[in-house]
């Protein structure tokens, strides 16, 4: 039976955040100073390719990293062959029993809490600028997203029915050995790399034929802002580590299991992958991120441990952050 006190606290918090967000939207906005620093432009794809080719010829480290990536793609092809052969022989081992104690309603509540906290913090942005000495817009946005995701994860932990090993076990974080699960995630990501490259090529061809603008993913663009050293470290840590962990707790540990119990495995894999890709709000990379979402849910399903999809997500975002930092250093005058 739902706890009425907990429910009242939840809706009270959402109502307060909604009032703050509405008040901020109705308040007059201060004009942007004429001498405000301009954001560093994000290089286009052709410019990035030119800079990368120059870096490969001039920087041995970039050359070695390129060879390492090529080796990872080859290893991924070998893993794909092995997995395909295994699928032809027998079914993959099923995941453990999914967690209990929550449903679609709790998933929607967690999403609503994230949105309300984020919008409330956005409305309070002028106050934070005065209190903290004018932090950059990128730093504020990343901090707001971190706090909103933290609130959603806290709600998730409260919503999961505590078992013998605590709420984390219900989310898939307390079952089995973490190191084998992490290694399974790394191998799954290597196997996904060749597929990812194919999906990227297909997306580029489709974008050219349909006239869809190809824009860099939001995190890549943020790395080209004029950031201080600590702000750049915070951005890199959030995108590469914190974000993947929080997102996997919500999408695979919480939302996937709720949909799986309601409609079954295949609908859960597809629905959570579609939502995961749609929320990235970039039509040009919808297909690659959709493929990543399918892999993340499938790895969770086959291992029964949330550590495995977290490892996949860490590999993907870690590679993206490394590429962004490399491009930033190359593009710097």
C-alpha atoms as a PDB file:
ATOM      1  CA  UNK A   1       0.000   0.000   0.000  1.00  0.00           C
ATOM      2  CA  UNK A   2       1.417   3.417  -0.952  1.00  0.00           C
ATOM      3  CA  UNK A   3       2.713   5.543   1.905  1.00  0.00           C
ATOM      4  CA  UNK A   4       0.465   8.665   2.062  1.00  0.00           C
ATOM      5  CA  UNK A   5       3.186  10.696   3.782  1.00  0.00           C
ATOM      6  CA  UNK A   6       5.732   9.864   1.101  1.00  0.00           C
ATOM      7  CA  UNK A   7       3.199  10.644  -1.629  1.00  0.00           C
ATOM      8  CA  UNK A   8       2.381  14.007  -0.040  1.00  0.00           C
ATOM      9  CA  UNK A   9       6.071  14.883   0.151  1.00  0.00           C
ATOM     10  CA  UNK A  10       6.578  13.954  -3.485  1.00  0.00           C
ATOM     11  CA  UNK A  11       3.679  16.024  -4.809  1.00  0.00           C
ATOM     12  CA  UNK A  12       4.611  18.886  -2.497  1.00  0.00           C
ATOM     13  CA  UNK A  13       8.137  18.940  -3.924  1.00  0.00           C
ATOM     14  CA  UNK A  14       6.817  18.807  -7.497  1.00  0.00           C
ATOM     15  CA  UNK A  15       4.344  21.627  -6.769  1.00  0.00           C
ATOM     16  CA  UNK A  16       7.047  23.845  -5.242  1.00  0.00           C
ATOM     17  CA  UNK A  17       9.332  23.242  -8.229  1.00  0.00           C
ATOM     18  CA  UNK A  18       6.482  23.967 -10.643  1.00  0.00           C
ATOM     19  CA  UNK A  19       5.685  27.262  -8.885  1.00  0.00           C
ATOM     20  CA  UNK A  20       9.343  28.304  -9.035  1.00  0.00           C
ATOM     21  CA  UNK A  21       9.537  27.382 -12.724  1.00  0.00           C
ATOM     22  CA  UNK A  22       6.363  29.323 -13.582  1.00  0.00           C
ATOM     23  CA  UNK A  23       7.527  32.314 -11.550  1.00  0.00           C
ATOM     24  CA  UNK A  24      10.857  32.297 -13.325  1.00  0.00           C
ATOM     25  CA  UNK A  25       9.175  32.108 -16.717  1.00  0.00           C
ATOM     26  CA  UNK A  26       6.941  35.104 -15.910  1.00  0.00           C
ATOM     27  CA  UNK A  27       9.727  37.225 -14.412  1.00  0.00           C
ATOM     28  CA  UNK A  28      11.357  39.822 -16.692  1.00  0.00           C
ATOM     29  CA  UNK A  29      14.686  38.681 -18.091  1.00  0.00           C
ATOM     30  CA  UNK A  30      17.808  40.786 -17.760  1.00  0.00           C
ATOM     31  CA  UNK A  31      19.341  41.854 -21.093  1.00  0.00           C
ATOM     32  CA  UNK A  32      22.495  40.071 -22.181  1.00  0.00           C
ATOM     33  CA  UNK A  33      25.533  42.389 -21.764  1.00  0.00           C
ATOM     34  CA  UNK A  34      26.989  43.626 -25.023  1.00  0.00           C
ATOM     35  CA  UNK A  35      30.486  42.643 -23.906  1.00  0.00           C
ATOM     36  CA  UNK A  36      29.497  39.092 -22.884  1.00  0.00           C
ATOM     37  CA  UNK A  37      32.102  36.569 -24.044  1.00  0.00           C
ATOM     38  CA  UNK A  38      31.115  34.745 -27.202  1.00  0.00           C
ATOM     39  CA  UNK A  39      30.960  30.994 -27.147  1.00  0.00           C
ATOM     40  CA  UNK A  40      33.676  29.268 -29.121  1.00  0.00           C
ATOM     41  CA  UNK A  41      32.263  27.945 -32.372  1.00  0.00           C
ATOM     42  CA  UNK A  42      31.968  24.188 -32.765  1.00  0.00           C
ATOM     43  CA  UNK A  43      33.862  23.079 -35.895  1.00  0.00           C
ATOM     44  CA  UNK A  44      31.766  21.508 -38.612  1.00  0.00           C
ATOM     45  CA  UNK A  45      32.248  17.927 -39.725  1.00  0.00           C
ATOM     46  CA  UNK A  46      34.542  18.840 -42.629  1.00  0.00           C
ATOM     47  CA  UNK A  47      36.650  21.060 -40.386  1.00  0.00           C
ATOM     48  CA  UNK A  48      36.837  18.331 -37.738  1.00  0.00           C
ATOM     49  CA  UNK A  49      37.952  15.801 -40.338  1.00  0.00           C
ATOM     50  CA  UNK A  50      40.639  18.172 -41.609  1.00  0.00           C
ATOM     51  CA  UNK A  51      41.891  18.839 -38.081  1.00  0.00           C
ATOM     52  CA  UNK A  52      41.898  15.126 -37.288  1.00  0.00           C
ATOM     53  CA  UNK A  53      43.898  14.249 -40.409  1.00  0.00           C
ATOM     54  CA  UNK A  54      46.399  16.951 -39.512  1.00  0.00           C
ATOM     55  CA  UNK A  55      46.661  15.627 -35.955  1.00  0.00           C
ATOM     56  CA  UNK A  56      47.220  12.055 -37.193  1.00  0.00           C
ATOM     57  CA  UNK A  57      50.135  13.198 -39.326  1.00  0.00           C
ATOM     58  CA  UNK A  58      51.675  15.465 -36.670  1.00  0.00           C
ATOM     59  CA  UNK A  59      50.894  13.811 -33.319  1.00  0.00           C
ATOM     60  CA  UNK A  60      52.057  10.240 -32.628  1.00  0.00           C
ATOM     61  CA  UNK A  61      49.548   9.873 -29.768  1.00  0.00           C
ATOM     62  CA  UNK A  62      46.619  10.517 -32.100  1.00  0.00           C
ATOM     63  CA  UNK A  63      48.045   8.024 -34.577  1.00  0.00           C
ATOM     64  CA  UNK A  64      48.343   5.371 -31.865  1.00  0.00           C
ATOM     65  CA  UNK A  65      44.806   6.064 -30.644  1.00  0.00           C
ATOM     66  CA  UNK A  66      43.502   5.680 -34.201  1.00  0.00           C
ATOM     67  CA  UNK A  67      45.220   2.305 -34.496  1.00  0.00           C
ATOM     68  CA  UNK A  68      43.777   1.307 -31.119  1.00  0.00           C
ATOM     69  CA  UNK A  69      40.279   2.207 -32.296  1.00  0.00           C
ATOM     70  CA  UNK A  70      40.773   0.224 -35.508  1.00  0.00           C
ATOM     71  CA  UNK A  71      41.901  -2.741 -33.417  1.00  0.00           C
ATOM     72  CA  UNK A  72      38.788  -2.412 -31.249  1.00  0.00           C
ATOM     73  CA  UNK A  73      36.591  -2.496 -34.368  1.00  0.00           C
ATOM     74  CA  UNK A  74      38.336  -5.654 -35.601  1.00  0.00           C
ATOM     75  CA  UNK A  75      37.925  -7.233 -32.159  1.00  0.00           C
ATOM     76  CA  UNK A  76      34.266  -6.243 -32.278  1.00  0.00           C
ATOM     77  CA  UNK A  77      33.812  -8.051 -35.581  1.00  0.00           C
ATOM     78  CA  UNK A  78      35.295 -11.207 -34.063  1.00  0.00           C
ATOM     79  CA  UNK A  79      32.974 -10.874 -31.062  1.00  0.00           C
ATOM     80  CA  UNK A  80      29.996 -10.446 -33.401  1.00  0.00           C
ATOM     81  CA  UNK A  81      30.903 -13.650 -35.225  1.00  0.00           C
ATOM     82  CA  UNK A  82      31.189 -15.499 -31.919  1.00  0.00           C
ATOM     83  CA  UNK A  83      27.864 -14.160 -30.652  1.00  0.00           C
ATOM     84  CA  UNK A  84      26.135 -15.009 -33.937  1.00  0.00           C
ATOM     85  CA  UNK A  85      27.452 -18.566 -33.739  1.00  0.00           C
ATOM     86  CA  UNK A  86      26.245 -18.825 -30.153  1.00  0.00           C
ATOM     87  CA  UNK A  87      22.794 -17.585 -31.091  1.00  0.00           C
ATOM     88  CA  UNK A  88      22.551 -20.209 -33.798  1.00  0.00           C
ATOM     89  CA  UNK A  89      23.402 -22.959 -31.300  1.00  0.00           C
ATOM     90  CA  UNK A  90      21.342 -21.957 -28.288  1.00  0.00           C
ATOM     91  CA  UNK A  91      19.547 -19.083 -26.579  1.00  0.00           C
ATOM     92  CA  UNK A  92      21.449 -16.694 -24.389  1.00  0.00           C
ATOM     93  CA  UNK A  93      21.157 -17.201 -20.655  1.00  0.00           C
ATOM     94  CA  UNK A  94      18.135 -15.306 -19.291  1.00  0.00           C
ATOM     95  CA  UNK A  95      18.529 -12.520 -16.799  1.00  0.00           C
ATOM     96  CA  UNK A  96      17.746 -12.884 -13.135  1.00  0.00           C
ATOM     97  CA  UNK A  97      14.348 -12.135 -11.660  1.00  0.00           C
ATOM     98  CA  UNK A  98      13.564  -8.450 -12.208  1.00  0.00           C
ATOM     99  CA  UNK A  99      13.065  -6.215  -9.226  1.00  0.00           C
ATOM    100  CA  UNK A 100       9.655  -5.734  -7.681  1.00  0.00           C
ATOM    101  CA  UNK A 101       7.775  -2.941  -6.014  1.00  0.00           C
ATOM    102  CA  UNK A 102       7.269  -0.354  -8.749  1.00  0.00           C
ATOM    103  CA  UNK A 103       5.458   0.095 -12.036  1.00  0.00           C
ATOM    104  CA  UNK A 104       4.909   2.514 -14.908  1.00  0.00           C
ATOM    105  CA  UNK A 105       3.411   5.090 -12.530  1.00  0.00           C
ATOM    106  CA  UNK A 106       6.599   5.310 -10.479  1.00  0.00           C
ATOM    107  CA  UNK A 107       8.658   5.649 -13.667  1.00  0.00           C
ATOM    108  CA  UNK A 108       6.520   8.594 -14.790  1.00  0.00           C
ATOM    109  CA  UNK A 109       6.823  10.153 -11.331  1.00  0.00           C
ATOM    110  CA  UNK A 110      10.620   9.911 -11.451  1.00  0.00           C
ATOM    111  CA  UNK A 111      10.619  11.569 -14.892  1.00  0.00           C
ATOM    112  CA  UNK A 112       8.245  14.299 -13.677  1.00  0.00           C
ATOM    113  CA  UNK A 113      10.439  14.976 -10.649  1.00  0.00           C
ATOM    114  CA  UNK A 114      13.520  15.304 -12.867  1.00  0.00           C
ATOM    115  CA  UNK A 115      11.730  17.731 -15.185  1.00  0.00           C
ATOM    116  CA  UNK A 116      10.259  19.864 -12.386  1.00  0.00           C
ATOM    117  CA  UNK A 117      13.564  20.131 -10.496  1.00  0.00           C
ATOM    118  CA  UNK A 118      15.453  21.010 -13.685  1.00  0.00           C
ATOM    119  CA  UNK A 119      12.957  23.711 -14.704  1.00  0.00           C
ATOM    120  CA  UNK A 120      12.936  25.157 -11.179  1.00  0.00           C
ATOM    121  CA  UNK A 121      16.735  25.385 -11.176  1.00  0.00           C
ATOM    122  CA  UNK A 122      16.612  27.013 -14.608  1.00  0.00           C
ATOM    123  CA  UNK A 123      14.272  29.652 -13.209  1.00  0.00           C
ATOM    124  CA  UNK A 124      16.698  30.281 -10.324  1.00  0.00           C
ATOM    125  CA  UNK A 125      19.706  30.639 -12.643  1.00  0.00           C
ATOM    126  CA  UNK A 126      20.009  34.452 -12.175  1.00  0.00           C
ATOM    127  CA  UNK A 127      20.150  33.935  -8.401  1.00  0.00           C
ATOM    128  CA  UNK A 128      22.902  31.321  -8.731  1.00  0.00           C
ATOM    129  CA  UNK A 129      24.901  33.649 -10.979  1.00  0.00           C
ATOM    130  CA  UNK A 130      24.855  36.346  -8.304  1.00  0.00           C
ATOM    131  CA  UNK A 131      25.597  33.941  -5.445  1.00  0.00           C
ATOM    132  CA  UNK A 132      28.495  32.132  -7.117  1.00  0.00           C
ATOM    133  CA  UNK A 133      30.188  34.958  -8.967  1.00  0.00           C
ATOM    134  CA  UNK A 134      28.846  34.424 -12.459  1.00  0.00           C
ATOM    135  CA  UNK A 135      29.629  30.801 -13.363  1.00  0.00           C
ATOM    136  CA  UNK A 136      29.525  29.974 -17.069  1.00  0.00           C
ATOM    137  CA  UNK A 137      26.244  28.979 -18.669  1.00  0.00           C
ATOM    138  CA  UNK A 138      27.639  25.524 -19.456  1.00  0.00           C
ATOM    139  CA  UNK A 139      28.626  24.961 -15.815  1.00  0.00           C
ATOM    140  CA  UNK A 140      25.170  25.979 -14.636  1.00  0.00           C
ATOM    141  CA  UNK A 141      23.360  23.742 -17.126  1.00  0.00           C
ATOM    142  CA  UNK A 142      25.501  20.720 -16.273  1.00  0.00           C
ATOM    143  CA  UNK A 143      25.072  21.373 -12.541  1.00  0.00           C
ATOM    144  CA  UNK A 144      21.295  21.700 -12.975  1.00  0.00           C
ATOM    145  CA  UNK A 145      21.110  18.426 -14.883  1.00  0.00           C
ATOM    146  CA  UNK A 146      23.247  16.715 -12.242  1.00  0.00           C
ATOM    147  CA  UNK A 147      20.981  17.892  -9.410  1.00  0.00           C
ATOM    148  CA  UNK A 148      17.800  16.976 -11.300  1.00  0.00           C
ATOM    149  CA  UNK A 149      19.122  13.495 -12.091  1.00  0.00           C
ATOM    150  CA  UNK A 150      20.245  13.112  -8.476  1.00  0.00           C
ATOM    151  CA  UNK A 151      16.705  13.928  -7.298  1.00  0.00           C
ATOM    152  CA  UNK A 152      15.229  11.366  -9.705  1.00  0.00           C
ATOM    153  CA  UNK A 153      17.700   8.671  -8.606  1.00  0.00           C
ATOM    154  CA  UNK A 154      16.925   9.406  -4.944  1.00  0.00           C
ATOM    155  CA  UNK A 155      13.219   8.946  -5.691  1.00  0.00           C
ATOM    156  CA  UNK A 156      13.984   5.677  -7.483  1.00  0.00           C
ATOM    157  CA  UNK A 157      15.928   4.327  -4.501  1.00  0.00           C
ATOM    158  CA  UNK A 158      13.031   5.226  -2.211  1.00  0.00           C
ATOM    159  CA  UNK A 159      10.491   3.625  -4.567  1.00  0.00           C
ATOM    160  CA  UNK A 160      12.264   0.266  -4.858  1.00  0.00           C
ATOM    161  CA  UNK A 161      11.040  -2.200  -2.265  1.00  0.00           C
ATOM    162  CA  UNK A 162      14.015  -3.064  -0.009  1.00  0.00           C
ATOM    163  CA  UNK A 163      15.016  -6.710  -0.258  1.00  0.00           C
ATOM    164  CA  UNK A 164      17.499  -8.727   1.792  1.00  0.00           C
ATOM    165  CA  UNK A 165      20.356  -6.909   0.043  1.00  0.00           C
ATOM    166  CA  UNK A 166      18.755  -3.465  -0.100  1.00  0.00           C
ATOM    167  CA  UNK A 167      17.135  -1.472  -2.937  1.00  0.00           C
ATOM    168  CA  UNK A 168      20.206  -1.636  -5.194  1.00  0.00           C
ATOM    169  CA  UNK A 169      19.723  -5.379  -5.654  1.00  0.00           C
ATOM    170  CA  UNK A 170      16.260  -4.799  -7.114  1.00  0.00           C
ATOM    171  CA  UNK A 171      17.780  -2.452  -9.687  1.00  0.00           C
ATOM    172  CA  UNK A 172      20.351  -5.055 -10.707  1.00  0.00           C
ATOM    173  CA  UNK A 173      23.307  -3.615  -8.805  1.00  0.00           C
ATOM    174  CA  UNK A 174      23.510  -6.167  -6.020  1.00  0.00           C
ATOM    175  CA  UNK A 175      23.333  -9.438  -7.920  1.00  0.00           C
ATOM    176  CA  UNK A 176      26.338 -11.474  -9.063  1.00  0.00           C
ATOM    177  CA  UNK A 177      29.954 -10.464  -9.327  1.00  0.00           C
ATOM    178  CA  UNK A 178      30.549  -6.946 -10.689  1.00  0.00           C
ATOM    179  CA  UNK A 179      33.870  -7.548 -12.483  1.00  0.00           C
ATOM    180  CA  UNK A 180      32.614 -10.321 -14.814  1.00  0.00           C
ATOM    181  CA  UNK A 181      29.522  -8.218 -15.537  1.00  0.00           C
ATOM    182  CA  UNK A 182      31.679  -5.173 -16.327  1.00  0.00           C
ATOM    183  CA  UNK A 183      33.866  -7.255 -18.636  1.00  0.00           C
ATOM    184  CA  UNK A 184      30.750  -8.550 -20.386  1.00  0.00           C
ATOM    185  CA  UNK A 185      29.746  -4.923 -20.942  1.00  0.00           C
ATOM    186  CA  UNK A 186      33.150  -4.032 -22.406  1.00  0.00           C
ATOM    187  CA  UNK A 187      32.969  -6.976 -24.812  1.00  0.00           C
ATOM    188  CA  UNK A 188      29.413  -6.018 -25.760  1.00  0.00           C
ATOM    189  CA  UNK A 189      30.547  -2.478 -26.581  1.00  0.00           C
ATOM    190  CA  UNK A 190      33.418  -3.788 -28.713  1.00  0.00           C
ATOM    191  CA  UNK A 191      30.942  -5.979 -30.548  1.00  0.00           C
ATOM    192  CA  UNK A 192      28.638  -3.000 -31.050  1.00  0.00           C
ATOM    193  CA  UNK A 193      31.359  -0.771 -32.565  1.00  0.00           C
ATOM    194  CA  UNK A 194      31.133  -2.193 -36.126  1.00  0.00           C
ATOM    195  CA  UNK A 195      27.348  -1.961 -35.969  1.00  0.00           C
ATOM    196  CA  UNK A 196      27.614   1.600 -34.639  1.00  0.00           C
ATOM    197  CA  UNK A 197      29.811   2.642 -37.575  1.00  0.00           C
ATOM    198  CA  UNK A 198      27.283   1.178 -40.018  1.00  0.00           C
ATOM    199  CA  UNK A 199      24.416   3.001 -38.290  1.00  0.00           C
ATOM    200  CA  UNK A 200      26.360   6.277 -38.407  1.00  0.00           C
ATOM    201  CA  UNK A 201      26.971   5.879 -42.161  1.00  0.00           C
ATOM    202  CA  UNK A 202      23.298   5.047 -42.781  1.00  0.00           C
ATOM    203  CA  UNK A 203      22.236   8.073 -40.711  1.00  0.00           C
ATOM    204  CA  UNK A 204      24.566  10.385 -42.640  1.00  0.00           C
ATOM    205  CA  UNK A 205      23.235   9.151 -45.985  1.00  0.00           C
ATOM    206  CA  UNK A 206      19.638   9.530 -44.799  1.00  0.00           C
ATOM    207  CA  UNK A 207      20.349  13.027 -43.453  1.00  0.00           C
ATOM    208  CA  UNK A 208      21.836  14.140 -46.766  1.00  0.00           C
ATOM    209  CA  UNK A 209      18.909  12.804 -48.771  1.00  0.00           C
ATOM    210  CA  UNK A 210      16.240  14.241 -46.472  1.00  0.00           C
ATOM    211  CA  UNK A 211      17.973  17.564 -45.844  1.00  0.00           C
ATOM    212  CA  UNK A 212      18.256  17.068 -42.081  1.00  0.00           C
ATOM    213  CA  UNK A 213      21.005  19.220 -40.584  1.00  0.00           C
ATOM    214  CA  UNK A 214      23.826  17.174 -39.082  1.00  0.00           C
ATOM    215  CA  UNK A 215      24.774  18.768 -35.785  1.00  0.00           C
ATOM    216  CA  UNK A 216      27.210  17.548 -33.119  1.00  0.00           C
ATOM    217  CA  UNK A 217      25.690  15.971 -30.031  1.00  0.00           C
ATOM    218  CA  UNK A 218      25.122  18.472 -27.216  1.00  0.00           C
ATOM    219  CA  UNK A 219      27.989  17.226 -25.002  1.00  0.00           C
ATOM    220  CA  UNK A 220      30.463  17.613 -27.867  1.00  0.00           C
ATOM    221  CA  UNK A 221      29.372  21.206 -28.420  1.00  0.00           C
ATOM    222  CA  UNK A 222      29.660  22.019 -24.707  1.00  0.00           C
ATOM    223  CA  UNK A 223      33.342  21.086 -24.712  1.00  0.00           C
ATOM    224  CA  UNK A 224      34.034  23.945 -27.129  1.00  0.00           C
ATOM    225  CA  UNK A 225      32.756  26.592 -24.706  1.00  0.00           C
ATOM    226  CA  UNK A 226      35.236  28.869 -22.944  1.00  0.00           C
ATOM    227  CA  UNK A 227      35.530  26.900 -19.700  1.00  0.00           C
ATOM    228  CA  UNK A 228      37.883  27.128 -16.762  1.00  0.00           C
ATOM    229  CA  UNK A 229      39.941  24.092 -15.793  1.00  0.00           C
ATOM    230  CA  UNK A 230      37.629  22.987 -12.938  1.00  0.00           C
ATOM    231  CA  UNK A 231      34.531  23.522 -15.099  1.00  0.00           C
ATOM    232  CA  UNK A 232      36.027  21.401 -17.882  1.00  0.00           C
ATOM    233  CA  UNK A 233      36.869  18.624 -15.399  1.00  0.00           C
ATOM    234  CA  UNK A 234      33.318  18.734 -13.983  1.00  0.00           C
ATOM    235  CA  UNK A 235      31.827  18.565 -17.479  1.00  0.00           C
ATOM    236  CA  UNK A 236      34.050  15.631 -18.452  1.00  0.00           C
ATOM    237  CA  UNK A 237      33.289  13.748 -15.217  1.00  0.00           C
ATOM    238  CA  UNK A 238      29.552  14.269 -15.604  1.00  0.00           C
ATOM    239  CA  UNK A 239      29.381  13.213 -19.253  1.00  0.00           C
ATOM    240  CA  UNK A 240      31.811  10.293 -18.959  1.00  0.00           C
ATOM    241  CA  UNK A 241      30.918   8.830 -15.545  1.00  0.00           C
ATOM    242  CA  UNK A 242      28.076  10.390 -13.553  1.00  0.00           C
ATOM    243  CA  UNK A 243      25.594  10.712 -16.406  1.00  0.00           C
ATOM    244  CA  UNK A 244      25.937   7.100 -17.618  1.00  0.00           C
ATOM    245  CA  UNK A 245      25.474   5.708 -14.101  1.00  0.00           C
ATOM    246  CA  UNK A 246      22.392   7.840 -13.385  1.00  0.00           C
ATOM    247  CA  UNK A 247      20.876   7.162 -16.822  1.00  0.00           C
ATOM    248  CA  UNK A 248      21.318   3.403 -16.538  1.00  0.00           C
ATOM    249  CA  UNK A 249      19.711   3.384 -13.101  1.00  0.00           C
ATOM    250  CA  UNK A 250      16.667   5.112 -14.602  1.00  0.00           C
ATOM    251  CA  UNK A 251      16.404   3.593 -18.085  1.00  0.00           C
ATOM    252  CA  UNK A 252      17.497  -0.012 -17.557  1.00  0.00           C
ATOM    253  CA  UNK A 253      17.345  -0.575 -13.808  1.00  0.00           C
ATOM    254  CA  UNK A 254      14.014   1.206 -13.264  1.00  0.00           C
ATOM    255  CA  UNK A 255      12.068   1.916 -16.472  1.00  0.00           C
ATOM    256  CA  UNK A 256      13.057  -1.227 -18.388  1.00  0.00           C
ATOM    257  CA  UNK A 257      12.040  -3.530 -15.561  1.00  0.00           C
ATOM    258  CA  UNK A 258       8.685  -1.785 -15.129  1.00  0.00           C
ATOM    259  CA  UNK A 259       7.871  -2.051 -18.849  1.00  0.00           C
ATOM    260  CA  UNK A 260       9.182  -5.638 -18.946  1.00  0.00           C
ATOM    261  CA  UNK A 261       6.822  -6.726 -16.178  1.00  0.00           C
ATOM    262  CA  UNK A 262       3.901  -4.974 -17.881  1.00  0.00           C
ATOM    263  CA  UNK A 263       4.383  -5.895 -21.567  1.00  0.00           C
ATOM    264  CA  UNK A 264       7.296  -8.347 -21.838  1.00  0.00           C
ATOM    265  CA  UNK A 265      10.951  -8.309 -22.869  1.00  0.00           C
ATOM    266  CA  UNK A 266      10.824  -7.266 -26.525  1.00  0.00           C
ATOM    267  CA  UNK A 267       8.471  -4.290 -25.981  1.00  0.00           C
ATOM    268  CA  UNK A 268      10.621  -3.246 -23.011  1.00  0.00           C
ATOM    269  CA  UNK A 269      13.815  -3.345 -25.082  1.00  0.00           C
ATOM    270  CA  UNK A 270      12.270  -1.368 -27.953  1.00  0.00           C
ATOM    271  CA  UNK A 271      10.326   1.179 -25.882  1.00  0.00           C
ATOM    272  CA  UNK A 272      13.207   2.081 -23.568  1.00  0.00           C
ATOM    273  CA  UNK A 273      15.604   2.271 -26.528  1.00  0.00           C
ATOM    274  CA  UNK A 274      13.209   4.566 -28.427  1.00  0.00           C
ATOM    275  CA  UNK A 275      12.774   6.811 -25.393  1.00  0.00           C
ATOM    276  CA  UNK A 276      16.514   6.824 -24.729  1.00  0.00           C
ATOM    277  CA  UNK A 277      17.234   7.902 -28.313  1.00  0.00           C
ATOM    278  CA  UNK A 278      14.400  10.438 -28.530  1.00  0.00           C
ATOM    279  CA  UNK A 279      15.529  12.251 -25.376  1.00  0.00           C
ATOM    280  CA  UNK A 280      18.911  12.953 -26.979  1.00  0.00           C
ATOM    281  CA  UNK A 281      16.966  15.299 -29.301  1.00  0.00           C
ATOM    282  CA  UNK A 282      19.181  14.937 -32.365  1.00  0.00           C
ATOM    283  CA  UNK A 283      17.554  13.487 -35.475  1.00  0.00           C
ATOM    284  CA  UNK A 284      20.896  12.933 -37.202  1.00  0.00           C
ATOM    285  CA  UNK A 285      22.055  10.443 -34.542  1.00  0.00           C
ATOM    286  CA  UNK A 286      18.669   8.941 -33.665  1.00  0.00           C
ATOM    287  CA  UNK A 287      19.463   5.592 -35.300  1.00  0.00           C
ATOM    288  CA  UNK A 288      22.922   5.064 -33.704  1.00  0.00           C
ATOM    289  CA  UNK A 289      21.607   5.953 -30.243  1.00  0.00           C
ATOM    290  CA  UNK A 290      18.595   3.703 -30.813  1.00  0.00           C
ATOM    291  CA  UNK A 291      21.011   0.867 -31.561  1.00  0.00           C
ATOM    292  CA  UNK A 292      22.965   1.689 -28.417  1.00  0.00           C
ATOM    293  CA  UNK A 293      19.747   1.609 -26.395  1.00  0.00           C
ATOM    294  CA  UNK A 294      18.906  -1.849 -27.742  1.00  0.00           C
ATOM    295  CA  UNK A 295      22.394  -3.084 -26.817  1.00  0.00           C
ATOM    296  CA  UNK A 296      22.156  -1.620 -23.311  1.00  0.00           C
ATOM    297  CA  UNK A 297      18.808  -3.296 -22.629  1.00  0.00           C
ATOM    298  CA  UNK A 298      19.940  -6.582 -24.192  1.00  0.00           C
ATOM    299  CA  UNK A 299      23.116  -6.681 -22.105  1.00  0.00           C
ATOM    300  CA  UNK A 300      21.086  -6.067 -18.960  1.00  0.00           C
ATOM    301  CA  UNK A 301      18.637  -8.770 -19.979  1.00  0.00           C
ATOM    302  CA  UNK A 302      21.301 -11.377 -20.714  1.00  0.00           C
ATOM    303  CA  UNK A 303      23.484 -10.735 -17.655  1.00  0.00           C
ATOM    304  CA  UNK A 304      20.893  -9.770 -15.040  1.00  0.00           C
ATOM    305  CA  UNK A 305      23.304  -7.122 -13.734  1.00  0.00           C
ATOM    306  CA  UNK A 306      23.072  -3.360 -14.204  1.00  0.00           C
ATOM    307  CA  UNK A 307      26.873  -3.213 -14.048  1.00  0.00           C
ATOM    308  CA  UNK A 308      27.062  -4.551 -17.621  1.00  0.00           C
ATOM    309  CA  UNK A 309      25.026  -1.766 -19.328  1.00  0.00           C
ATOM    310  CA  UNK A 310      26.768   0.798 -17.124  1.00  0.00           C
ATOM    311  CA  UNK A 311      30.092  -0.491 -18.486  1.00  0.00           C
ATOM    312  CA  UNK A 312      28.794  -0.203 -22.064  1.00  0.00           C
ATOM    313  CA  UNK A 313      27.575   3.339 -21.420  1.00  0.00           C
ATOM    314  CA  UNK A 314      30.857   4.310 -19.754  1.00  0.00           C
ATOM    315  CA  UNK A 315      32.784   3.053 -22.793  1.00  0.00           C
ATOM    316  CA  UNK A 316      30.579   5.015 -25.202  1.00  0.00           C
ATOM    317  CA  UNK A 317      30.586   8.283 -23.277  1.00  0.00           C
ATOM    318  CA  UNK A 318      34.230   7.939 -22.271  1.00  0.00           C
ATOM    319  CA  UNK A 319      35.201   7.595 -25.930  1.00  0.00           C
ATOM    320  CA  UNK A 320      33.025  10.608 -26.808  1.00  0.00           C
ATOM    321  CA  UNK A 321      34.621  12.738 -24.076  1.00  0.00           C
ATOM    322  CA  UNK A 322      38.119  11.700 -25.162  1.00  0.00           C
ATOM    323  CA  UNK A 323      37.273  12.635 -28.762  1.00  0.00           C
ATOM    324  CA  UNK A 324      35.789  15.967 -27.664  1.00  0.00           C
ATOM    325  CA  UNK A 325      38.844  16.859 -25.579  1.00  0.00           C
ATOM    326  CA  UNK A 326      41.120  15.858 -28.449  1.00  0.00           C
ATOM    327  CA  UNK A 327      39.193  18.005 -30.929  1.00  0.00           C
ATOM    328  CA  UNK A 328      39.178  20.877 -28.451  1.00  0.00           C
ATOM    329  CA  UNK A 329      42.963  20.717 -28.102  1.00  0.00           C
ATOM    330  CA  UNK A 330      43.427  20.489 -31.878  1.00  0.00           C
ATOM    331  CA  UNK A 331      41.079  23.399 -32.582  1.00  0.00           C
ATOM    332  CA  UNK A 332      42.644  25.626 -29.908  1.00  0.00           C
ATOM    333  CA  UNK A 333      44.831  28.343 -31.442  1.00  0.00           C
END
